[in-house]
Amino acid sequence: MSKALTLIKFFRNKYIIAITAFIVLMLFLDHNDIFVQMDHQHQLKALLSSKKFYEQQIEQTKKNLADLQNNSAALEKYAREKYFLKRDNEDVFVVVPQENQKNAAAKQ
């Protein structure tokens, strides 16, 4: 019974009550509670990884642009692959994989 009395006396202390109320308020009831902070951390990690991906894409695009500006063979290759351009007196055949043919036939 003495443990219960000491425990009751401990929790009746006004400083313990104030500290406990403050901790509960800050951790669970505040608009910047611990759950919001964890969500913000998760969003920050996602945005940083996204930033890293886009920076790599920008670097790759800059390299491709420099290659296209300086190398006419690369420019011709790019035009043939992306825009299906051709030279005069040249025939271009576009081969569509079978999966795409089935999907195209199903759409019609």
PDB file of N, CA and C in Angstrom:
ATOM      1  N   MET A   1       0.803  -1.181   0.000  1.00  0.00           N
ATOM      2  CA  MET A   1       0.000   0.000   0.000  1.00  0.00           C
ATOM      3  C   MET A   1       0.864   1.271   0.000  1.00  0.00           C
ATOM      4  N   SER A   2       2.063   1.138   0.529  1.00  0.00           N
ATOM      5  CA  SER A   2       2.929   2.306   0.605  1.00  0.00           C
ATOM      6  C   SER A   2       3.406   2.733  -0.797  1.00  0.00           C
ATOM      7  N   LYS A   3       3.560   1.772  -1.708  1.00  0.00           N
ATOM      8  CA  LYS A   3       3.937   2.126  -3.079  1.00  0.00           C
ATOM      9  C   LYS A   3       2.837   2.921  -3.750  1.00  0.00           C
ATOM     10  N   ALA A   4       1.606   2.543  -3.510  1.00  0.00           N
ATOM     11  CA  ALA A   4       0.473   3.261  -4.088  1.00  0.00           C
ATOM     12  C   ALA A   4       0.414   4.677  -3.528  1.00  0.00           C
ATOM     13  N   LEU A   5       0.670   4.845  -2.258  1.00  0.00           N
ATOM     14  CA  LEU A   5       0.629   6.175  -1.652  1.00  0.00           C
ATOM     15  C   LEU A   5       1.739   7.070  -2.194  1.00  0.00           C
ATOM     16  N   THR A   6       2.927   6.506  -2.336  1.00  0.00           N
ATOM     17  CA  THR A   6       4.025   7.306  -2.880  1.00  0.00           C
ATOM     18  C   THR A   6       3.763   7.668  -4.341  1.00  0.00           C
ATOM     19  N   LEU A   7       3.140   6.751  -5.063  1.00  0.00           N
ATOM     20  CA  LEU A   7       2.805   7.022  -6.460  1.00  0.00           C
ATOM     21  C   LEU A   7       1.750   8.115  -6.562  1.00  0.00           C
ATOM     22  N   ILE A   8       0.767   8.073  -5.688  1.00  0.00           N
ATOM     23  CA  ILE A   8      -0.275   9.107  -5.671  1.00  0.00           C
ATOM     24  C   ILE A   8       0.320  10.457  -5.288  1.00  0.00           C
ATOM     25  N   LYS A   9       1.196  10.466  -4.304  1.00  0.00           N
ATOM     26  CA  LYS A   9       1.848  11.711  -3.898  1.00  0.00           C
ATOM     27  C   LYS A   9       2.708  12.272  -5.031  1.00  0.00           C
ATOM     28  N   PHE A  10       3.359  11.359  -5.745  1.00  0.00           N
ATOM     29  CA  PHE A  10       4.218  11.780  -6.859  1.00  0.00           C
ATOM     30  C   PHE A  10       3.382  12.459  -7.942  1.00  0.00           C
ATOM     31  N   PHE A  11       2.231  11.891  -8.286  1.00  0.00           N
ATOM     32  CA  PHE A  11       1.408  12.455  -9.342  1.00  0.00           C
ATOM     33  C   PHE A  11       0.553  13.632  -8.867  1.00  0.00           C
ATOM     34  N   ARG A  12       0.456  13.865  -7.593  1.00  0.00           N
ATOM     35  CA  ARG A  12      -0.259  15.024  -7.078  1.00  0.00           C
ATOM     36  C   ARG A  12       0.647  16.254  -7.034  1.00  0.00           C
ATOM     37  N   ASN A  13       1.905  16.054  -7.295  1.00  0.00           N
ATOM     38  CA  ASN A  13       2.854  17.160  -7.324  1.00  0.00           C
ATOM     39  C   ASN A  13       2.492  18.073  -8.500  1.00  0.00           C
ATOM     40  N   LYS A  14       2.384  19.370  -8.257  1.00  0.00           N
ATOM     41  CA  LYS A  14       1.942  20.297  -9.303  1.00  0.00           C
ATOM     42  C   LYS A  14       2.944  20.407 -10.455  1.00  0.00           C
ATOM     43  N   TYR A  15       4.213  20.197 -10.190  1.00  0.00           N
ATOM     44  CA  TYR A  15       5.216  20.269 -11.241  1.00  0.00           C
ATOM     45  C   TYR A  15       5.116  19.057 -12.180  1.00  0.00           C
ATOM     46  N   ILE A  16       4.879  17.904 -11.614  1.00  0.00           N
ATOM     47  CA  ILE A  16       4.719  16.696 -12.422  1.00  0.00           C
ATOM     48  C   ILE A  16       3.463  16.812 -13.283  1.00  0.00           C
ATOM     49  N   ILE A  17       2.391  17.323 -12.704  1.00  0.00           N
ATOM     50  CA  ILE A  17       1.154  17.516 -13.465  1.00  0.00           C
ATOM     51  C   ILE A  17       1.375  18.510 -14.604  1.00  0.00           C
ATOM     52  N   ALA A  18       2.078  19.594 -14.334  1.00  0.00           N
ATOM     53  CA  ALA A  18       2.340  20.610 -15.360  1.00  0.00           C
ATOM     54  C   ALA A  18       3.230  20.054 -16.466  1.00  0.00           C
ATOM     55  N   ILE A  19       4.266  19.333 -16.093  1.00  0.00           N
ATOM     56  CA  ILE A  19       5.172  18.753 -17.100  1.00  0.00           C
ATOM     57  C   ILE A  19       4.443  17.712 -17.934  1.00  0.00           C
ATOM     58  N   THR A  20       3.634  16.869 -17.305  1.00  0.00           N
ATOM     59  CA  THR A  20       2.879  15.851 -18.035  1.00  0.00           C
ATOM     60  C   THR A  20       1.880  16.507 -18.991  1.00  0.00           C
ATOM     61  N   ALA A  21       1.193  17.524 -18.523  1.00  0.00           N
ATOM     62  CA  ALA A  21       0.233  18.227 -19.379  1.00  0.00           C
ATOM     63  C   ALA A  21       0.952  18.880 -20.561  1.00  0.00           C
ATOM     64  N   PHE A  22       2.105  19.474 -20.308  1.00  0.00           N
ATOM     65  CA  PHE A  22       2.879  20.100 -21.386  1.00  0.00           C
ATOM     66  C   PHE A  22       3.324  19.084 -22.420  1.00  0.00           C
ATOM     67  N   ILE A  23       3.807  17.940 -21.958  1.00  0.00           N
ATOM     68  CA  ILE A  23       4.264  16.891 -22.880  1.00  0.00           C
ATOM     69  C   ILE A  23       3.096  16.367 -23.716  1.00  0.00           C
ATOM     70  N   VAL A  24       1.968  16.116 -23.080  1.00  0.00           N
ATOM     71  CA  VAL A  24       0.790  15.640 -23.821  1.00  0.00           C
ATOM     72  C   VAL A  24       0.348  16.685 -24.834  1.00  0.00           C
ATOM     73  N   LEU A  25       0.343  17.938 -24.423  1.00  0.00           N
ATOM     74  CA  LEU A  25      -0.053  19.019 -25.318  1.00  0.00           C
ATOM     75  C   LEU A  25       0.878  19.110 -26.524  1.00  0.00           C
ATOM     76  N   MET A  26       2.160  19.072 -26.293  1.00  0.00           N
ATOM     77  CA  MET A  26       3.128  19.210 -27.385  1.00  0.00           C
ATOM     78  C   MET A  26       3.168  17.983 -28.302  1.00  0.00           C
ATOM     79  N   LEU A  27       3.032  16.798 -27.743  1.00  0.00           N
ATOM     80  CA  LEU A  27       3.158  15.589 -28.554  1.00  0.00           C
ATOM     81  C   LEU A  27       1.885  15.234 -29.314  1.00  0.00           C
ATOM     82  N   PHE A  28       0.729  15.525 -28.762  1.00  0.00           N
ATOM     83  CA  PHE A  28      -0.493  15.018 -29.363  1.00  0.00           C
ATOM     84  C   PHE A  28      -1.529  16.075 -29.741  1.00  0.00           C
ATOM     85  N   LEU A  29      -1.585  17.188 -29.060  1.00  0.00           N
ATOM     86  CA  LEU A  29      -2.674  18.132 -29.269  1.00  0.00           C
ATOM     87  C   LEU A  29      -2.289  19.379 -30.051  1.00  0.00           C
ATOM     88  N   ASP A  30      -1.033  19.659 -30.216  1.00  0.00           N
ATOM     89  CA  ASP A  30      -0.578  20.841 -30.924  1.00  0.00           C
ATOM     90  C   ASP A  30      -0.769  20.656 -32.426  1.00  0.00           C
ATOM     91  N   HIS A  31      -0.865  21.760 -33.176  1.00  0.00           N
ATOM     92  CA  HIS A  31      -1.006  21.627 -34.631  1.00  0.00           C
ATOM     93  C   HIS A  31       0.306  21.190 -35.291  1.00  0.00           C
ATOM     94  N   ASN A  32       1.392  21.241 -34.605  1.00  0.00           N
ATOM     95  CA  ASN A  32       2.672  20.699 -35.073  1.00  0.00           C
ATOM     96  C   ASN A  32       3.069  19.513 -34.203  1.00  0.00           C
ATOM     97  N   ASP A  33       2.149  18.606 -33.992  1.00  0.00           N
ATOM     98  CA  ASP A  33       2.417  17.471 -33.114  1.00  0.00           C
ATOM     99  C   ASP A  33       3.402  16.500 -33.762  1.00  0.00           C
ATOM    100  N   ILE A  34       3.704  15.448 -33.052  1.00  0.00           N
ATOM    101  CA  ILE A  34       4.739  14.510 -33.497  1.00  0.00           C
ATOM    102  C   ILE A  34       4.360  13.807 -34.798  1.00  0.00           C
ATOM    103  N   PHE A  35       3.065  13.572 -35.000  1.00  0.00           N
ATOM    104  CA  PHE A  35       2.629  12.889 -36.217  1.00  0.00           C
ATOM    105  C   PHE A  35       2.784  13.794 -37.441  1.00  0.00           C
ATOM    106  N   VAL A  36       2.511  15.063 -37.271  1.00  0.00           N
ATOM    107  CA  VAL A  36       2.697  16.026 -38.361  1.00  0.00           C
ATOM    108  C   VAL A  36       4.183  16.147 -38.678  1.00  0.00           C
ATOM    109  N   GLN A  37       5.013  16.175 -37.666  1.00  0.00           N
ATOM    110  CA  GLN A  37       6.453  16.266 -37.890  1.00  0.00           C
ATOM    111  C   GLN A  37       6.985  15.047 -38.635  1.00  0.00           C
ATOM    112  N   MET A  38       6.483  13.865 -38.274  1.00  0.00           N
ATOM    113  CA  MET A  38       6.910  12.648 -38.977  1.00  0.00           C
ATOM    114  C   MET A  38       6.439  12.678 -40.423  1.00  0.00           C
ATOM    115  N   ASP A  39       5.251  13.176 -40.671  1.00  0.00           N
ATOM    116  CA  ASP A  39       4.742  13.294 -42.040  1.00  0.00           C
ATOM    117  C   ASP A  39       5.583  14.278 -42.851  1.00  0.00           C
ATOM    118  N   HIS A  40       5.969  15.382 -42.214  1.00  0.00           N
ATOM    119  CA  HIS A  40       6.838  16.357 -42.894  1.00  0.00           C
ATOM    120  C   HIS A  40       8.211  15.751 -43.218  1.00  0.00           C
ATOM    121  N   GLN A  41       8.745  14.955 -42.324  1.00  0.00           N
ATOM    122  CA  GLN A  41      10.028  14.286 -42.583  1.00  0.00           C
ATOM    123  C   GLN A  41       9.908  13.342 -43.775  1.00  0.00           C
ATOM    124  N   HIS A  42       8.814  12.602 -43.831  1.00  0.00           N
ATOM    125  CA  HIS A  42       8.585  11.674 -44.935  1.00  0.00           C
ATOM    126  C   HIS A  42       8.474  12.438 -46.257  1.00  0.00           C
ATOM    127  N   GLN A  43       7.745  13.529 -46.257  1.00  0.00           N
ATOM    128  CA  GLN A  43       7.610  14.349 -47.463  1.00  0.00           C
ATOM    129  C   GLN A  43       8.943  14.942 -47.880  1.00  0.00           C
ATOM    130  N   LEU A  44       9.741  15.361 -46.926  1.00  0.00           N
ATOM    131  CA  LEU A  44      11.053  15.929 -47.228  1.00  0.00           C
ATOM    132  C   LEU A  44      11.949  14.892 -47.899  1.00  0.00           C
ATOM    133  N   LYS A  45      11.951  13.673 -47.384  1.00  0.00           N
ATOM    134  CA  LYS A  45      12.760  12.615 -47.991  1.00  0.00           C
ATOM    135  C   LYS A  45      12.301  12.334 -49.418  1.00  0.00           C
ATOM    136  N   ALA A  46      10.995  12.304 -49.630  1.00  0.00           N
ATOM    137  CA  ALA A  46      10.465  12.054 -50.968  1.00  0.00           C
ATOM    138  C   ALA A  46      10.844  13.186 -51.922  1.00  0.00           C
ATOM    139  N   LEU A  47      10.756  14.412 -51.460  1.00  0.00           N
ATOM    140  CA  LEU A  47      11.102  15.552 -52.305  1.00  0.00           C
ATOM    141  C   LEU A  47      12.597  15.594 -52.613  1.00  0.00           C
ATOM    142  N   LEU A  48      13.420  15.229 -51.658  1.00  0.00           N
ATOM    143  CA  LEU A  48      14.867  15.216 -51.913  1.00  0.00           C
ATOM    144  C   LEU A  48      15.243  14.143 -52.928  1.00  0.00           C
ATOM    145  N   SER A  49      14.607  12.983 -52.844  1.00  0.00           N
ATOM    146  CA  SER A  49      14.892  11.946 -53.838  1.00  0.00           C
ATOM    147  C   SER A  49      14.376  12.371 -55.205  1.00  0.00           C
ATOM    148  N   SER A  50      13.244  13.045 -55.242  1.00  0.00           N
ATOM    149  CA  SER A  50      12.710  13.558 -56.498  1.00  0.00           C
ATOM    150  C   SER A  50      13.647  14.617 -57.081  1.00  0.00           C
ATOM    151  N   LYS A  51      14.164  15.472 -56.219  1.00  0.00           N
ATOM    152  CA  LYS A  51      15.105  16.503 -56.659  1.00  0.00           C
ATOM    153  C   LYS A  51      16.346  15.873 -57.263  1.00  0.00           C
ATOM    154  N   LYS A  52      16.863  14.844 -56.631  1.00  0.00           N
ATOM    155  CA  LYS A  52      18.047  14.149 -57.128  1.00  0.00           C
ATOM    156  C   LYS A  52      17.768  13.543 -58.509  1.00  0.00           C
ATOM    157  N   PHE A  53      16.601  12.926 -58.666  1.00  0.00           N
ATOM    158  CA  PHE A  53      16.228  12.331 -59.953  1.00  0.00           C
ATOM    159  C   PHE A  53      16.178  13.397 -61.035  1.00  0.00           C
ATOM    160  N   TYR A  54      15.523  14.523 -60.762  1.00  0.00           N
ATOM    161  CA  TYR A  54      15.385  15.565 -61.771  1.00  0.00           C
ATOM    162  C   TYR A  54      16.714  16.244 -62.077  1.00  0.00           C
ATOM    163  N   GLU A  55      17.592  16.356 -61.106  1.00  0.00           N
ATOM    164  CA  GLU A  55      18.924  16.905 -61.387  1.00  0.00           C
ATOM    165  C   GLU A  55      19.697  15.985 -62.322  1.00  0.00           C
ATOM    166  N   GLN A  56      19.571  14.667 -62.136  1.00  0.00           N
ATOM    167  CA  GLN A  56      20.219  13.722 -63.044  1.00  0.00           C
ATOM    168  C   GLN A  56      19.624  13.824 -64.439  1.00  0.00           C
ATOM    169  N   GLN A  57      18.315  13.991 -64.531  1.00  0.00           N
ATOM    170  CA  GLN A  57      17.664  14.136 -65.832  1.00  0.00           C
ATOM    171  C   GLN A  57      18.115  15.416 -66.529  1.00  0.00           C
ATOM    172  N   ILE A  58      18.287  16.495 -65.785  1.00  0.00           N
ATOM    173  CA  ILE A  58      18.753  17.752 -66.364  1.00  0.00           C
ATOM    174  C   ILE A  58      20.167  17.592 -66.906  1.00  0.00           C
ATOM    175  N   GLU A  59      21.027  16.934 -66.150  1.00  0.00           N
ATOM    176  CA  GLU A  59      22.394  16.708 -66.612  1.00  0.00           C
ATOM    177  C   GLU A  59      22.420  15.868 -67.890  1.00  0.00           C
ATOM    178  N   GLN A  60      21.603  14.820 -67.927  1.00  0.00           N
ATOM    179  CA  GLN A  60      21.538  13.970 -69.118  1.00  0.00           C
ATOM    180  C   GLN A  60      21.018  14.762 -70.309  1.00  0.00           C
ATOM    181  N   THR A  61      20.029  15.614 -70.100  1.00  0.00           N
ATOM    182  CA  THR A  61      19.474  16.421 -71.175  1.00  0.00           C
ATOM    183  C   THR A  61      20.497  17.434 -71.679  1.00  0.00           C
ATOM    184  N   LYS A  62      21.257  18.020 -70.761  1.00  0.00           N
ATOM    185  CA  LYS A  62      22.309  18.961 -71.172  1.00  0.00           C
ATOM    186  C   LYS A  62      23.363  18.263 -72.028  1.00  0.00           C
ATOM    187  N   LYS A  63      23.733  17.037 -71.645  1.00  0.00           N
ATOM    188  CA  LYS A  63      24.710  16.285 -72.431  1.00  0.00           C
ATOM    189  C   LYS A  63      24.151  15.973 -73.814  1.00  0.00           C
ATOM    190  N   ASN A  64      22.897  15.562 -73.859  1.00  0.00           N
ATOM    191  CA  ASN A  64      22.272  15.259 -75.150  1.00  0.00           C
ATOM    192  C   ASN A  64      22.178  16.504 -76.016  1.00  0.00           C
ATOM    193  N   LEU A  65      21.831  17.637 -75.428  1.00  0.00           N
ATOM    194  CA  LEU A  65      21.739  18.884 -76.180  1.00  0.00           C
ATOM    195  C   LEU A  65      23.098  19.288 -76.735  1.00  0.00           C
ATOM    196  N   ALA A  66      24.132  19.187 -75.930  1.00  0.00           N
ATOM    197  CA  ALA A  66      25.473  19.529 -76.402  1.00  0.00           C
ATOM    198  C   ALA A  66      25.894  18.585 -77.526  1.00  0.00           C
ATOM    199  N   ASP A  67      25.546  17.321 -77.407  1.00  0.00           N
ATOM    200  CA  ASP A  67      25.870  16.348 -78.448  1.00  0.00           C
ATOM    201  C   ASP A  67      25.112  16.664 -79.733  1.00  0.00           C
ATOM    202  N   LEU A  68      23.856  17.036 -79.611  1.00  0.00           N
ATOM    203  CA  LEU A  68      23.062  17.359 -80.795  1.00  0.00           C
ATOM    204  C   LEU A  68      23.535  18.642 -81.466  1.00  0.00           C
ATOM    205  N   GLN A  69      24.007  19.593 -80.688  1.00  0.00           N
ATOM    206  CA  GLN A  69      24.481  20.850 -81.262  1.00  0.00           C
ATOM    207  C   GLN A  69      25.834  20.701 -81.947  1.00  0.00           C
ATOM    208  N   ASN A  70      26.647  19.757 -81.513  1.00  0.00           N
ATOM    209  CA  ASN A  70      28.005  19.645 -82.025  1.00  0.00           C
ATOM    210  C   ASN A  70      28.202  18.480 -82.989  1.00  0.00           C
ATOM    211  N   ASN A  71      27.309  17.523 -83.018  1.00  0.00           N
ATOM    212  CA  ASN A  71      27.513  16.317 -83.805  1.00  0.00           C
ATOM    213  C   ASN A  71      26.328  16.133 -84.754  1.00  0.00           C
ATOM    214  N   SER A  72      26.583  16.297 -86.060  1.00  0.00           N
ATOM    215  CA  SER A  72      25.489  16.189 -87.032  1.00  0.00           C
ATOM    216  C   SER A  72      24.981  14.752 -87.155  1.00  0.00           C
ATOM    217  N   ALA A  73      25.839  13.768 -86.930  1.00  0.00           N
ATOM    218  CA  ALA A  73      25.395  12.372 -86.996  1.00  0.00           C
ATOM    219  C   ALA A  73      24.423  12.073 -85.855  1.00  0.00           C
ATOM    220  N   ALA A  74      24.694  12.616 -84.701  1.00  0.00           N
ATOM    221  CA  ALA A  74      23.790  12.426 -83.569  1.00  0.00           C
ATOM    222  C   ALA A  74      22.468  13.134 -83.812  1.00  0.00           C
ATOM    223  N   LEU A  75      22.514  14.305 -84.444  1.00  0.00           N
ATOM    224  CA  LEU A  75      21.297  15.032 -84.769  1.00  0.00           C
ATOM    225  C   LEU A  75      20.440  14.242 -85.757  1.00  0.00           C
ATOM    226  N   GLU A  76      21.089  13.661 -86.757  1.00  0.00           N
ATOM    227  CA  GLU A  76      20.358  12.852 -87.739  1.00  0.00           C
ATOM    228  C   GLU A  76      19.750  11.614 -87.071  1.00  0.00           C
ATOM    229  N   LYS A  77      20.498  10.969 -86.228  1.00  0.00           N
ATOM    230  CA  LYS A  77      19.998   9.792 -85.518  1.00  0.00           C
ATOM    231  C   LYS A  77      18.795  10.154 -84.655  1.00  0.00           C
ATOM    232  N   TYR A  78      18.888  11.284 -83.962  1.00  0.00           N
ATOM    233  CA  TYR A  78      17.784  11.726 -83.115  1.00  0.00           C
ATOM    234  C   TYR A  78      16.537  12.021 -83.950  1.00  0.00           C
ATOM    235  N   ALA A  79      16.713  12.690 -85.065  1.00  0.00           N
ATOM    236  CA  ALA A  79      15.577  13.018 -85.928  1.00  0.00           C
ATOM    237  C   ALA A  79      14.941  11.757 -86.497  1.00  0.00           C
ATOM    238  N   ARG A  80      15.734  10.783 -86.856  1.00  0.00           N
ATOM    239  CA  ARG A  80      15.192   9.530 -87.386  1.00  0.00           C
ATOM    240  C   ARG A  80      14.428   8.751 -86.311  1.00  0.00           C
ATOM    241  N   GLU A  81      14.963   8.701 -85.104  1.00  0.00           N
ATOM    242  CA  GLU A  81      14.331   7.914 -84.045  1.00  0.00           C
ATOM    243  C   GLU A  81      13.083   8.580 -83.475  1.00  0.00           C
ATOM    244  N   LYS A  82      13.146   9.871 -83.243  1.00  0.00           N
ATOM    245  CA  LYS A  82      12.039  10.551 -82.561  1.00  0.00           C
ATOM    246  C   LYS A  82      10.951  11.014 -83.520  1.00  0.00           C
ATOM    247  N   TYR A  83      11.323  11.482 -84.702  1.00  0.00           N
ATOM    248  CA  TYR A  83      10.351  12.094 -85.601  1.00  0.00           C
ATOM    249  C   TYR A  83      10.145  11.311 -86.891  1.00  0.00           C
ATOM    250  N   PHE A  84      10.781  10.163 -87.007  1.00  0.00           N
ATOM    251  CA  PHE A  84      10.664   9.284 -88.175  1.00  0.00           C
ATOM    252  C   PHE A  84      10.955  10.035 -89.477  1.00  0.00           C
ATOM    253  N   LEU A  85      11.946  10.914 -89.432  1.00  0.00           N
ATOM    254  CA  LEU A  85      12.360  11.636 -90.637  1.00  0.00           C
ATOM    255  C   LEU A  85      13.208  10.721 -91.500  1.00  0.00           C
ATOM    256  N   LYS A  86      13.244  11.060 -92.793  1.00  0.00           N
ATOM    257  CA  LYS A  86      14.000  10.226 -93.726  1.00  0.00           C
ATOM    258  C   LYS A  86      14.660  11.110 -94.768  1.00  0.00           C
ATOM    259  N   ARG A  87      15.599  10.513 -95.478  1.00  0.00           N
ATOM    260  CA  ARG A  87      16.242  11.206 -96.585  1.00  0.00           C
ATOM    261  C   ARG A  87      15.387  11.042 -97.834  1.00  0.00           C
ATOM    262  N   ASP A  88      15.701  11.847 -98.854  1.00  0.00           N
ATOM    263  CA  ASP A  88      15.004  11.693-100.138  1.00  0.00           C
ATOM    264  C   ASP A  88      15.319  10.324-100.729  1.00  0.00           C
ATOM    265  N   ASN A  89      14.366   9.747-101.432  1.00  0.00           N
ATOM    266  CA  ASN A  89      14.500   8.436-102.076  1.00  0.00           C
ATOM    267  C   ASN A  89      14.819   7.339-101.058  1.00  0.00           C
ATOM    268  N   GLU A  90      14.242   7.450 -99.881  1.00  0.00           N
ATOM    269  CA  GLU A  90      14.471   6.448 -98.851  1.00  0.00           C
ATOM    270  C   GLU A  90      13.118   6.069 -98.251  1.00  0.00           C
ATOM    271  N   ASP A  91      12.926   4.773 -98.054  1.00  0.00           N
ATOM    272  CA  ASP A  91      11.685   4.298 -97.447  1.00  0.00           C
ATOM    273  C   ASP A  91      11.951   3.926 -95.999  1.00  0.00           C
ATOM    274  N   VAL A  92      11.003   4.259 -95.146  1.00  0.00           N
ATOM    275  CA  VAL A  92      11.112   3.952 -93.731  1.00  0.00           C
ATOM    276  C   VAL A  92       9.970   3.027 -93.363  1.00  0.00           C
ATOM    277  N   PHE A  93      10.318   1.913 -92.747  1.00  0.00           N
ATOM    278  CA  PHE A  93       9.321   0.964 -92.284  1.00  0.00           C
ATOM    279  C   PHE A  93       9.326   0.961 -90.758  1.00  0.00           C
ATOM    280  N   VAL A  94       8.173   1.191 -90.177  1.00  0.00           N
ATOM    281  CA  VAL A  94       8.032   1.197 -88.729  1.00  0.00           C
ATOM    282  C   VAL A  94       7.494  -0.160 -88.313  1.00  0.00           C
ATOM    283  N   VAL A  95       8.267  -0.863 -87.504  1.00  0.00           N
ATOM    284  CA  VAL A  95       7.874  -2.188 -87.049  1.00  0.00           C
ATOM    285  C   VAL A  95       7.255  -2.040 -85.655  1.00  0.00           C
ATOM    286  N   VAL A  96       6.015  -2.488 -85.536  1.00  0.00           N
ATOM    287  CA  VAL A  96       5.307  -2.402 -84.264  1.00  0.00           C
ATOM    288  C   VAL A  96       5.322  -3.782 -83.626  1.00  0.00           C
ATOM    289  N   PRO A  97       5.714  -3.876 -82.354  1.00  0.00           N
ATOM    290  CA  PRO A  97       5.705  -5.190 -81.685  1.00  0.00           C
ATOM    291  C   PRO A  97       4.299  -5.779 -81.642  1.00  0.00           C
ATOM    292  N   GLN A  98       4.204  -7.109 -81.517  1.00  0.00           N
ATOM    293  CA  GLN A  98       2.917  -7.779 -81.562  1.00  0.00           C
ATOM    294  C   GLN A  98       1.980  -7.333 -80.448  1.00  0.00           C
ATOM    295  N   GLU A  99       2.486  -7.089 -79.269  1.00  0.00           N
ATOM    296  CA  GLU A  99       1.642  -6.662 -78.164  1.00  0.00           C
ATOM    297  C   GLU A  99       0.918  -5.372 -78.510  1.00  0.00           C
ATOM    298  N   ASN A 100       1.636  -4.436 -79.130  1.00  0.00           N
ATOM    299  CA  ASN A 100       1.025  -3.164 -79.498  1.00  0.00           C
ATOM    300  C   ASN A 100      -0.005  -3.357 -80.618  1.00  0.00           C
ATOM    301  N   GLN A 101       0.241  -4.310 -81.505  1.00  0.00           N
ATOM    302  CA  GLN A 101      -0.726  -4.582 -82.573  1.00  0.00           C
ATOM    303  C   GLN A 101      -2.024  -5.111 -81.981  1.00  0.00           C
ATOM    304  N   LYS A 102      -1.931  -5.992 -80.987  1.00  0.00           N
ATOM    305  CA  LYS A 102      -3.136  -6.542 -80.356  1.00  0.00           C
ATOM    306  C   LYS A 102      -3.910  -5.434 -79.643  1.00  0.00           C
ATOM    307  N   ASN A 103      -3.183  -4.537 -78.964  1.00  0.00           N
ATOM    308  CA  ASN A 103      -3.844  -3.434 -78.270  1.00  0.00           C
ATOM    309  C   ASN A 103      -4.505  -2.479 -79.249  1.00  0.00           C
ATOM    310  N   ALA A 104      -3.833  -2.204 -80.370  1.00  0.00           N
ATOM    311  CA  ALA A 104      -4.392  -1.315 -81.383  1.00  0.00           C
ATOM    312  C   ALA A 104      -5.619  -1.938 -82.025  1.00  0.00           C
ATOM    313  N   ALA A 105      -5.584  -3.244 -82.294  1.00  0.00           N
ATOM    314  CA  ALA A 105      -6.732  -3.918 -82.882  1.00  0.00           C
ATOM    315  C   ALA A 105      -7.907  -3.938 -81.897  1.00  0.00           C
ATOM    316  N   ALA A 106      -7.639  -4.077 -80.633  1.00  0.00           N
ATOM    317  CA  ALA A 106      -8.693  -4.117 -79.626  1.00  0.00           C
ATOM    318  C   ALA A 106      -9.345  -2.743 -79.480  1.00  0.00           C
ATOM    319  N   LYS A 107      -8.620  -1.686 -79.677  1.00  0.00           N
ATOM    320  CA  LYS A 107      -9.163  -0.320 -79.565  1.00  0.00           C
ATOM    321  C   LYS A 107     -10.098  -0.004 -80.731  1.00  0.00           C
ATOM    322  N   GLN A 108      -9.834  -0.603 -81.897  1.00  0.00           N
ATOM    323  CA  GLN A 108     -10.655  -0.315 -83.077  1.00  0.00           C
ATOM    324  C   GLN A 108     -11.870  -1.149 -82.994  1.00  0.00           C
TER     325      GLN A 108
END
